Amino acid sequence: MFKKCVMFAAVALMLAPGAASADWLFTPNIGAGFGVAASGREHLTYGASIGWMGAGVFGWEADFAYTPEFFESDDNDVDLFDSSNVTTFMVNAIIGVPAGGTTGAGFRPYFSGGVGMMSSNVTGADDLFEVTNHELGFNLGGGAIGFVSDHVGIRGDVRYYRQFTDPEPDNEFDVGLGDLDFWRATAGITFRW
């Protein structure tokens, strides 16, 4: 039993990141969805991400975004929907190079990609109907973080989102690409600790 505990502790120490070389990042952001399903319906989107980046090139993040009026056109003459929205929650891997180091001012371009939940909701005029859809999806993109001090930076990001669907509802695991896809561009202030 003692040998197992020692081996477990040794493995945990080897896999644990060094405290001096790790950055926790929190970024509230705002932007817009555009292109593909959002074409002609470019609406405000807002959210936040929290993640971890080591002194090397690898990290991870959890990203949340909410886009109200996603399926509503910019033209208010005819409103077929009372309300609509798209919500995304993704867990992403990040690959980024810390130019200038991980303390003080610096610049970190990165690529990101991951999977998570994409939820859409549409309510018809005068509550005639309501359609809610929750599907797995993925996102791919990139951006950069420019730090102006040890703890504050500015982040810009562009990502592509797409839903997965099960094309044939049977007992076999078979996943295809869904119809809901769009681009999202955001900017925000990053807090690093």
Protein backbone atom coordinates (compact mmCIF):
# COMPACT_ATOMS: atom_id res chain seq x y z
CA MET A 1 0.00 0.00 0.00
CA PHE A 2 2.85 2.39 0.87
CA LYS A 3 4.52 1.73 -2.53
CA LYS A 4 1.28 2.58 -4.36
CA CYS A 5 0.91 5.85 -2.44
CA VAL A 6 4.51 6.85 -3.17
CA MET A 7 4.12 6.02 -6.88
CA PHE A 8 0.84 7.95 -7.07
CA ALA A 9 2.42 10.99 -5.37
CA ALA A 10 5.44 10.85 -7.72
CA VAL A 11 3.22 10.73 -10.82
CA ALA A 12 1.07 13.60 -9.49
CA LEU A 13 4.17 15.75 -8.86
CA MET A 14 5.52 15.06 -12.36
CA LEU A 15 2.21 15.98 -14.01
CA ALA A 16 1.49 19.07 -11.90
CA PRO A 17 2.42 22.39 -13.56
CA GLY A 18 4.96 24.59 -11.82
CA ALA A 19 3.30 27.51 -10.04
CA ALA A 20 5.80 30.06 -11.34
CA SER A 21 5.17 29.13 -14.97
CA ALA A 22 1.37 29.09 -14.98
CA ASP A 23 -1.12 31.81 -15.90
CA TRP A 24 -4.83 31.76 -15.13
CA LEU A 25 -6.71 33.95 -17.59
CA PHE A 26 -10.21 35.43 -17.30
CA THR A 27 -11.65 37.38 -20.25
CA PRO A 28 -15.12 38.95 -20.36
CA ASN A 29 -15.78 39.75 -24.04
CA ILE A 30 -18.18 41.36 -26.49
CA GLY A 31 -18.47 41.03 -30.26
CA ALA A 32 -20.71 39.86 -33.07
CA GLY A 33 -21.74 36.72 -34.90
CA PHE A 34 -21.47 36.85 -38.70
CA GLY A 35 -21.40 34.76 -41.86
CA VAL A 36 -23.16 31.54 -42.87
CA ALA A 37 -26.30 31.13 -40.66
CA ALA A 38 -25.79 34.63 -39.21
CA SER A 39 -25.38 36.31 -42.62
CA GLY A 40 -27.62 39.38 -42.73
CA ARG A 41 -28.31 38.93 -39.02
CA GLU A 42 -25.12 40.21 -37.41
CA HIS A 43 -26.06 40.72 -33.77
CA LEU A 44 -24.25 41.50 -30.56
CA THR A 45 -22.74 38.55 -28.71
CA TYR A 46 -21.22 38.59 -25.26
CA GLY A 47 -19.67 36.12 -22.87
CA ALA A 48 -16.54 35.16 -20.99
CA SER A 49 -13.76 32.62 -20.95
CA ILE A 50 -11.57 31.28 -18.19
CA GLY A 51 -8.49 29.24 -18.88
CA TRP A 52 -4.97 28.27 -18.03
CA MET A 53 -1.77 28.74 -20.04
CA GLY A 54 1.61 27.41 -19.01
CA ALA A 55 4.91 29.08 -19.83
CA GLY A 56 5.10 26.75 -22.82
CA VAL A 57 2.68 26.67 -25.71
CA PHE A 58 -0.22 24.55 -24.39
CA GLY A 59 -3.28 25.49 -22.38
CA TRP A 60 -7.05 25.06 -22.08
CA GLU A 61 -10.12 27.22 -21.59
CA ALA A 62 -13.84 27.09 -20.94
CA ASP A 63 -15.71 29.58 -23.15
CA PHE A 64 -19.32 30.78 -22.79
CA ALA A 65 -21.15 33.07 -25.25
CA TYR A 66 -24.73 34.30 -25.63
CA THR A 67 -26.17 35.89 -28.77
CA PRO A 68 -29.70 37.34 -28.44
CA GLU A 69 -31.87 37.85 -31.55
CA PHE A 70 -29.64 35.42 -33.48
CA PHE A 71 -32.31 34.33 -36.01
CA GLU A 72 -33.94 37.76 -36.34
CA SER A 73 -33.10 39.94 -39.32
CA ASP A 74 -31.79 43.47 -38.93
CA ASP A 75 -34.90 44.76 -40.73
CA ASN A 76 -37.67 45.40 -38.20
CA ASP A 77 -40.50 45.72 -40.76
CA VAL A 78 -41.70 42.13 -40.37
CA ASP A 79 -40.92 40.23 -37.18
CA LEU A 80 -41.62 36.50 -37.50
CA PHE A 81 -40.01 35.84 -34.12
CA ASP A 82 -40.73 37.29 -30.70
CA SER A 83 -37.31 36.17 -29.53
CA SER A 84 -34.41 33.96 -30.50
CA ASN A 85 -30.94 33.25 -29.19
CA VAL A 86 -27.91 30.98 -29.48
CA THR A 87 -25.84 29.99 -26.46
CA THR A 88 -22.50 28.18 -26.69
CA PHE A 89 -20.38 26.55 -24.01
CA MET A 90 -17.11 25.07 -25.25
CA VAL A 91 -14.04 23.46 -23.70
CA ASN A 92 -11.00 24.25 -25.85
CA ALA A 93 -7.36 23.35 -26.17
CA ILE A 94 -5.09 26.34 -26.83
CA ILE A 95 -1.72 26.48 -28.56
CA GLY A 96 -0.05 29.88 -28.08
CA VAL A 97 3.47 31.29 -28.13
CA PRO A 98 4.37 33.79 -25.36
CA ALA A 99 6.43 36.43 -27.18
CA GLY A 100 7.99 38.59 -24.47
CA GLY A 101 7.61 36.05 -21.66
CA THR A 102 4.80 35.29 -19.23
CA THR A 103 5.21 38.31 -16.94
CA GLY A 104 4.91 42.00 -17.65
CA ALA A 105 4.08 43.33 -21.09
CA GLY A 106 3.99 40.71 -23.83
CA PHE A 107 2.15 39.33 -26.82
CA ARG A 108 0.67 35.85 -27.23
CA PRO A 109 -0.87 34.77 -30.57
CA TYR A 110 -2.79 31.49 -30.31
CA PHE A 111 -4.89 28.88 -32.07
CA SER A 112 -7.83 27.29 -30.30
CA GLY A 113 -10.29 24.47 -30.87
CA GLY A 114 -12.67 22.33 -28.90
CA VAL A 115 -16.10 20.83 -28.41
CA GLY A 116 -19.14 21.63 -26.31
CA MET A 117 -22.84 22.45 -26.27
CA MET A 118 -24.63 24.71 -28.75
CA SER A 119 -28.19 25.63 -27.78
CA SER A 120 -30.67 27.59 -29.89
CA ASN A 121 -34.11 28.88 -28.98
CA VAL A 122 -36.76 30.47 -31.22
CA THR A 123 -40.16 31.75 -30.08
CA GLY A 124 -42.72 32.60 -32.77
CA ALA A 125 -44.73 35.79 -33.04
CA ASP A 126 -47.33 36.03 -30.27
CA ASP A 127 -45.90 32.82 -28.71
CA LEU A 128 -47.42 30.75 -31.52
CA PHE A 129 -44.56 28.23 -31.29
CA GLU A 130 -41.28 27.63 -29.49
CA VAL A 131 -38.37 25.53 -30.75
CA THR A 132 -35.40 24.70 -28.53
CA ASN A 133 -32.43 22.67 -29.73
CA HIS A 134 -29.39 21.42 -27.76
CA GLU A 135 -26.65 19.77 -29.81
CA LEU A 136 -22.96 19.06 -29.46
CA GLY A 137 -20.77 21.27 -31.58
CA PHE A 138 -17.20 22.36 -32.18
CA ASN A 139 -15.27 25.58 -32.67
CA LEU A 140 -11.95 26.45 -34.30
CA GLY A 141 -10.22 29.79 -34.38
CA GLY A 142 -7.45 31.99 -33.21
CA GLY A 143 -6.47 35.36 -31.93
CA ALA A 144 -3.96 37.19 -29.78
CA ILE A 145 -3.58 38.57 -26.29
CA GLY A 146 -1.48 41.69 -25.77
CA PHE A 147 -0.53 42.23 -22.13
CA VAL A 148 0.13 45.80 -20.99
CA SER A 149 1.15 44.79 -17.44
CA ASP A 150 1.59 41.70 -15.26
CA HIS A 151 -2.16 41.32 -14.77
CA VAL A 152 -4.07 43.09 -17.59
CA GLY A 153 -4.20 42.58 -21.34
CA ILE A 154 -6.43 43.00 -24.40
CA ARG A 155 -7.65 39.97 -26.34
CA GLY A 156 -9.06 39.68 -29.86
CA ASP A 157 -10.51 36.45 -31.21
CA VAL A 158 -12.22 35.01 -34.34
CA ARG A 159 -13.83 31.54 -34.25
CA TYR A 160 -15.94 29.28 -36.44
CA TYR A 161 -18.80 27.35 -34.73
CA ARG A 162 -20.72 24.39 -36.10
CA GLN A 163 -23.23 21.93 -34.66
CA PHE A 164 -22.99 18.15 -34.85
CA THR A 165 -26.18 16.19 -35.47
CA ASP A 166 -27.16 12.56 -35.49
CA PRO A 167 -28.29 12.13 -39.14
CA GLU A 168 -30.07 8.81 -38.49
CA PRO A 169 -31.79 8.39 -35.13
CA ASP A 170 -30.83 4.80 -34.36
CA ASN A 171 -28.79 3.04 -31.73
CA GLU A 172 -25.49 3.34 -33.62
CA PHE A 173 -23.11 6.18 -32.87
CA ASP A 174 -23.11 8.19 -36.10
CA VAL A 175 -22.42 11.92 -36.05
CA GLY A 176 -22.58 14.37 -38.95
CA LEU A 177 -22.30 18.11 -39.38
CA GLY A 178 -25.41 20.14 -38.56
CA ASP A 179 -27.01 23.10 -40.27
CA LEU A 180 -26.22 25.70 -37.61
CA ASP A 181 -22.83 27.28 -38.25
CA PHE A 182 -21.48 30.80 -37.94
CA TRP A 183 -18.40 32.89 -37.24
CA ARG A 184 -17.89 34.96 -34.11
CA ALA A 185 -15.48 37.86 -33.55
CA THR A 186 -14.94 39.18 -30.03
CA ALA A 187 -12.68 41.49 -28.06
CA GLY A 188 -12.21 41.76 -24.32
CA ILE A 189 -10.01 42.64 -21.41
CA THR A 190 -7.96 39.73 -20.05
CA PHE A 191 -7.08 39.47 -16.38
CA ARG A 192 -4.05 37.29 -15.57
CA TRP A 193 -3.06 35.88 -12.20
